[in-house]
């Protein structure tokens, strides 16, 4: 979930830590795998469509959730005049920085189109690139609140 973790006159910090969503996926993968193994090994049932699906999808959700999980931290700092962005996970570590005056907009993007509805993610639009404030998309709509906080922070910096 994306939240504002620090908000002062000189600094605004936005973090995305989708632990609940990935925790559910990883847990479902573990349950599917354990249920399939229980049926095959302990109960001694013959392989069925359900056990084969558990043996395939269980590890996929378990390992996929661990490998895809990413936390994103975006720091807007008036004193240094910069925005710093970091995304990290088990196998990913990305970082970027820009001047605050390079920020052109903060938009809520959708995976298909703006008319499609559904999940969104906030993106900082810079002069020459974009910085997503989270990995993936979210159906928890706090975009307007966070977008307003960022645009207000930037507006106050420029005035």
C-alpha atoms as a PDB file:
ATOM      1  CA  UNK A   1       0.000   0.000   0.000  1.00  0.00           C
ATOM      2  CA  UNK A   2       1.242   3.498  -0.849  1.00  0.00           C
ATOM      3  CA  UNK A   3       1.428   5.970   2.031  1.00  0.00           C
ATOM      4  CA  UNK A   4       2.977   9.279   2.975  1.00  0.00           C
ATOM      5  CA  UNK A   5       5.455   8.387   5.717  1.00  0.00           C
ATOM      6  CA  UNK A   6       6.931  11.835   6.308  1.00  0.00           C
ATOM      7  CA  UNK A   7       5.516  15.266   5.627  1.00  0.00           C
ATOM      8  CA  UNK A   8       7.389  18.336   6.821  1.00  0.00           C
ATOM      9  CA  UNK A   9       8.013  21.807   5.448  1.00  0.00           C
ATOM     10  CA  UNK A  10      11.225  20.617   3.777  1.00  0.00           C
ATOM     11  CA  UNK A  11      10.569  16.982   3.000  1.00  0.00           C
ATOM     12  CA  UNK A  12       7.871  14.656   1.646  1.00  0.00           C
ATOM     13  CA  UNK A  13       8.367  10.884   1.649  1.00  0.00           C
ATOM     14  CA  UNK A  14       6.025   8.501  -0.174  1.00  0.00           C
ATOM     15  CA  UNK A  15       6.465   4.748   0.281  1.00  0.00           C
ATOM     16  CA  UNK A  16       4.846   1.765  -1.344  1.00  0.00           C
ATOM     17  CA  UNK A  17       5.138  -1.520   0.544  1.00  0.00           C
ATOM     18  CA  UNK A  18       2.686  -4.002  -0.965  1.00  0.00           C
ATOM     19  CA  UNK A  19       3.289  -6.599   1.755  1.00  0.00           C
ATOM     20  CA  UNK A  20      -0.347  -7.660   2.137  1.00  0.00           C
ATOM     21  CA  UNK A  21      -0.926  -8.408  -1.556  1.00  0.00           C
ATOM     22  CA  UNK A  22       2.334 -10.277  -1.996  1.00  0.00           C
ATOM     23  CA  UNK A  23       1.896 -11.997   1.373  1.00  0.00           C
ATOM     24  CA  UNK A  24      -1.453 -13.359   0.220  1.00  0.00           C
ATOM     25  CA  UNK A  25       0.011 -14.608  -3.064  1.00  0.00           C
ATOM     26  CA  UNK A  26       2.963 -16.265  -1.332  1.00  0.00           C
ATOM     27  CA  UNK A  27       0.691 -17.834   1.306  1.00  0.00           C
ATOM     28  CA  UNK A  28      -1.707 -19.176  -1.321  1.00  0.00           C
ATOM     29  CA  UNK A  29       1.236 -20.675  -3.181  1.00  0.00           C
ATOM     30  CA  UNK A  30       2.486 -22.383  -0.023  1.00  0.00           C
ATOM     31  CA  UNK A  31      -0.993 -23.730   0.808  1.00  0.00           C
ATOM     32  CA  UNK A  32      -1.517 -25.059  -2.737  1.00  0.00           C
ATOM     33  CA  UNK A  33       1.871 -26.771  -2.732  1.00  0.00           C
ATOM     34  CA  UNK A  34       1.443 -28.261   0.749  1.00  0.00           C
ATOM     35  CA  UNK A  35      -2.101 -29.476  -0.028  1.00  0.00           C
ATOM     36  CA  UNK A  36      -0.915 -31.172  -3.224  1.00  0.00           C
ATOM     37  CA  UNK A  37       2.041 -32.791  -1.457  1.00  0.00           C
ATOM     38  CA  UNK A  38      -0.199 -33.898   1.419  1.00  0.00           C
ATOM     39  CA  UNK A  39      -2.608 -35.597  -1.012  1.00  0.00           C
ATOM     40  CA  UNK A  40       0.154 -37.338  -2.922  1.00  0.00           C
ATOM     41  CA  UNK A  41       2.633 -38.268  -0.187  1.00  0.00           C
ATOM     42  CA  UNK A  42       0.722 -38.615   3.094  1.00  0.00           C
ATOM     43  CA  UNK A  43      -2.739 -39.666   1.920  1.00  0.00           C
ATOM     44  CA  UNK A  44      -1.348 -41.587  -1.058  1.00  0.00           C
ATOM     45  CA  UNK A  45      -3.924 -40.436  -3.593  1.00  0.00           C
ATOM     46  CA  UNK A  46      -3.285 -40.820  -7.284  1.00  0.00           C
ATOM     47  CA  UNK A  47      -2.364 -37.589  -9.088  1.00  0.00           C
ATOM     48  CA  UNK A  48      -5.413 -35.552 -10.079  1.00  0.00           C
ATOM     49  CA  UNK A  49      -5.941 -32.287 -11.905  1.00  0.00           C
ATOM     50  CA  UNK A  50      -6.078 -30.478  -8.550  1.00  0.00           C
ATOM     51  CA  UNK A  51      -2.832 -31.947  -7.230  1.00  0.00           C
ATOM     52  CA  UNK A  52      -0.992 -31.290 -10.481  1.00  0.00           C
ATOM     53  CA  UNK A  53      -2.288 -27.692 -10.463  1.00  0.00           C
ATOM     54  CA  UNK A  54      -1.105 -27.329  -6.843  1.00  0.00           C
ATOM     55  CA  UNK A  55       2.324 -28.715  -7.725  1.00  0.00           C
ATOM     56  CA  UNK A  56       2.655 -26.259 -10.613  1.00  0.00           C
ATOM     57  CA  UNK A  57       0.913 -23.142  -9.312  1.00  0.00           C
ATOM     58  CA  UNK A  58       2.102 -23.460  -5.703  1.00  0.00           C
ATOM     59  CA  UNK A  59       5.811 -22.961  -6.421  1.00  0.00           C
ATOM     60  CA  UNK A  60       4.971 -20.407  -9.124  1.00  0.00           C
ATOM     61  CA  UNK A  61       3.089 -18.188  -6.645  1.00  0.00           C
ATOM     62  CA  UNK A  62       5.574 -18.862  -3.843  1.00  0.00           C
ATOM     63  CA  UNK A  63       8.748 -18.113  -5.801  1.00  0.00           C
ATOM     64  CA  UNK A  64       7.130 -15.532  -8.093  1.00  0.00           C
ATOM     65  CA  UNK A  65       5.834 -13.539  -5.131  1.00  0.00           C
ATOM     66  CA  UNK A  66       9.241 -13.526  -3.488  1.00  0.00           C
ATOM     67  CA  UNK A  67      11.070 -12.545  -6.676  1.00  0.00           C
ATOM     68  CA  UNK A  68       8.601  -9.890  -7.844  1.00  0.00           C
ATOM     69  CA  UNK A  69       8.092  -8.122  -4.502  1.00  0.00           C
ATOM     70  CA  UNK A  70       9.368  -4.519  -4.583  1.00  0.00           C
ATOM     71  CA  UNK A  71       9.197  -1.616  -2.169  1.00  0.00           C
ATOM     72  CA  UNK A  72       9.379   1.893  -3.602  1.00  0.00           C
ATOM     73  CA  UNK A  73      10.492   5.000  -1.695  1.00  0.00           C
ATOM     74  CA  UNK A  74      10.263   8.479  -3.202  1.00  0.00           C
ATOM     75  CA  UNK A  75      11.754  11.432  -1.297  1.00  0.00           C
ATOM     76  CA  UNK A  76      11.108  15.041  -2.310  1.00  0.00           C
ATOM     77  CA  UNK A  77      13.552  17.308  -0.488  1.00  0.00           C
ATOM     78  CA  UNK A  78      13.395  21.112  -0.672  1.00  0.00           C
ATOM     79  CA  UNK A  79      16.758  21.682   1.005  1.00  0.00           C
ATOM     80  CA  UNK A  80      18.672  19.714  -1.617  1.00  0.00           C
ATOM     81  CA  UNK A  81      16.175  20.568  -4.376  1.00  0.00           C
ATOM     82  CA  UNK A  82      15.956  16.924  -5.411  1.00  0.00           C
ATOM     83  CA  UNK A  83      13.619  14.018  -5.746  1.00  0.00           C
ATOM     84  CA  UNK A  84      15.227  10.650  -5.042  1.00  0.00           C
ATOM     85  CA  UNK A  85      13.559   7.378  -6.004  1.00  0.00           C
ATOM     86  CA  UNK A  86      14.494   3.865  -4.968  1.00  0.00           C
ATOM     87  CA  UNK A  87      12.881   0.536  -5.732  1.00  0.00           C
ATOM     88  CA  UNK A  88      14.193  -2.578  -4.055  1.00  0.00           C
ATOM     89  CA  UNK A  89      13.264  -6.202  -3.710  1.00  0.00           C
ATOM     90  CA  UNK A  90      14.907  -9.582  -3.375  1.00  0.00           C
ATOM     91  CA  UNK A  91      16.595  -9.409  -6.791  1.00  0.00           C
ATOM     92  CA  UNK A  92      15.990  -5.782  -7.820  1.00  0.00           C
ATOM     93  CA  UNK A  93      17.606  -2.587  -6.684  1.00  0.00           C
ATOM     94  CA  UNK A  94      16.979   0.527  -8.784  1.00  0.00           C
ATOM     95  CA  UNK A  95      17.602   4.150  -7.924  1.00  0.00           C
ATOM     96  CA  UNK A  96      17.227   7.470  -9.667  1.00  0.00           C
ATOM     97  CA  UNK A  97      17.361  11.154  -8.787  1.00  0.00           C
ATOM     98  CA  UNK A  98      16.339  14.423 -10.388  1.00  0.00           C
ATOM     99  CA  UNK A  99      15.952  18.074  -9.530  1.00  0.00           C
ATOM    100  CA  UNK A 100      12.547  19.106  -8.224  1.00  0.00           C
ATOM    101  CA  UNK A 101      12.220  21.622 -11.056  1.00  0.00           C
ATOM    102  CA  UNK A 102      12.350  18.733 -13.553  1.00  0.00           C
ATOM    103  CA  UNK A 103       8.981  17.405 -12.314  1.00  0.00           C
ATOM    104  CA  UNK A 104       6.306  18.301 -14.862  1.00  0.00           C
ATOM    105  CA  UNK A 105       3.301  16.423 -13.462  1.00  0.00           C
ATOM    106  CA  UNK A 106       2.032  13.659 -11.201  1.00  0.00           C
ATOM    107  CA  UNK A 107      -0.432  11.385 -12.992  1.00  0.00           C
ATOM    108  CA  UNK A 108      -2.493   8.345 -12.096  1.00  0.00           C
ATOM    109  CA  UNK A 109      -1.952   5.827 -14.870  1.00  0.00           C
ATOM    110  CA  UNK A 110      -4.044   2.775 -15.703  1.00  0.00           C
ATOM    111  CA  UNK A 111      -2.783  -0.502 -17.207  1.00  0.00           C
ATOM    112  CA  UNK A 112      -5.071  -0.353 -20.260  1.00  0.00           C
ATOM    113  CA  UNK A 113      -6.416   3.159 -20.723  1.00  0.00           C
ATOM    114  CA  UNK A 114      -7.641   6.074 -18.650  1.00  0.00           C
ATOM    115  CA  UNK A 115     -11.229   5.117 -19.561  1.00  0.00           C
ATOM    116  CA  UNK A 116     -10.818   1.485 -18.449  1.00  0.00           C
ATOM    117  CA  UNK A 117     -11.336   2.145 -14.728  1.00  0.00           C
ATOM    118  CA  UNK A 118      -9.893  -0.224 -12.178  1.00  0.00           C
ATOM    119  CA  UNK A 119      -6.388  -0.188 -10.730  1.00  0.00           C
ATOM    120  CA  UNK A 120      -3.991   2.732 -11.028  1.00  0.00           C
ATOM    121  CA  UNK A 121      -0.484   3.782 -10.089  1.00  0.00           C
ATOM    122  CA  UNK A 122       0.969   7.218  -9.549  1.00  0.00           C
ATOM    123  CA  UNK A 123       3.832   8.301 -11.759  1.00  0.00           C
ATOM    124  CA  UNK A 124       6.074  11.347 -11.509  1.00  0.00           C
ATOM    125  CA  UNK A 125       6.471  12.800 -14.998  1.00  0.00           C
ATOM    126  CA  UNK A 126       9.898  14.397 -15.391  1.00  0.00           C
ATOM    127  CA  UNK A 127      11.279  16.334 -18.348  1.00  0.00           C
ATOM    128  CA  UNK A 128      12.873  13.234 -19.870  1.00  0.00           C
ATOM    129  CA  UNK A 129      11.471  10.184 -18.060  1.00  0.00           C
ATOM    130  CA  UNK A 130       8.916   8.909 -15.574  1.00  0.00           C
ATOM    131  CA  UNK A 131       9.271   7.475 -12.079  1.00  0.00           C
ATOM    132  CA  UNK A 132       6.534   5.108 -10.861  1.00  0.00           C
ATOM    133  CA  UNK A 133       5.710   5.619  -7.185  1.00  0.00           C
ATOM    134  CA  UNK A 134       4.923   1.911  -6.857  1.00  0.00           C
ATOM    135  CA  UNK A 135       5.592  -1.396  -8.570  1.00  0.00           C
ATOM    136  CA  UNK A 136       2.538  -2.624 -10.453  1.00  0.00           C
ATOM    137  CA  UNK A 137      -0.927  -1.210  -9.952  1.00  0.00           C
ATOM    138  CA  UNK A 138      -3.237  -0.804  -6.963  1.00  0.00           C
ATOM    139  CA  UNK A 139      -7.004  -0.899  -6.536  1.00  0.00           C
ATOM    140  CA  UNK A 140      -6.723   0.932  -3.185  1.00  0.00           C
ATOM    141  CA  UNK A 141      -7.474   4.417  -4.380  1.00  0.00           C
ATOM    142  CA  UNK A 142      -5.347   6.846  -2.351  1.00  0.00           C
ATOM    143  CA  UNK A 143      -3.969   8.367  -5.537  1.00  0.00           C
ATOM    144  CA  UNK A 144      -5.846  11.667  -5.260  1.00  0.00           C
ATOM    145  CA  UNK A 145      -4.620  12.319  -1.709  1.00  0.00           C
ATOM    146  CA  UNK A 146      -0.996  11.474  -2.484  1.00  0.00           C
ATOM    147  CA  UNK A 147      -1.053  13.305  -5.835  1.00  0.00           C
ATOM    148  CA  UNK A 148      -2.401  16.431  -4.098  1.00  0.00           C
ATOM    149  CA  UNK A 149       0.316  16.239  -1.416  1.00  0.00           C
ATOM    150  CA  UNK A 150       3.045  15.994  -4.074  1.00  0.00           C
ATOM    151  CA  UNK A 151       1.661  18.740  -6.317  1.00  0.00           C
ATOM    152  CA  UNK A 152       1.171  21.002  -3.294  1.00  0.00           C
ATOM    153  CA  UNK A 153       4.758  20.333  -2.153  1.00  0.00           C
ATOM    154  CA  UNK A 154       6.098  21.123  -5.630  1.00  0.00           C
ATOM    155  CA  UNK A 155       3.903  24.217  -5.999  1.00  0.00           C
ATOM    156  CA  UNK A 156       5.090  25.554  -2.622  1.00  0.00           C
ATOM    157  CA  UNK A 157       8.698  24.883  -3.654  1.00  0.00           C
ATOM    158  CA  UNK A 158       8.321  26.928  -6.834  1.00  0.00           C
ATOM    159  CA  UNK A 159       6.662  29.901  -5.156  1.00  0.00           C
END
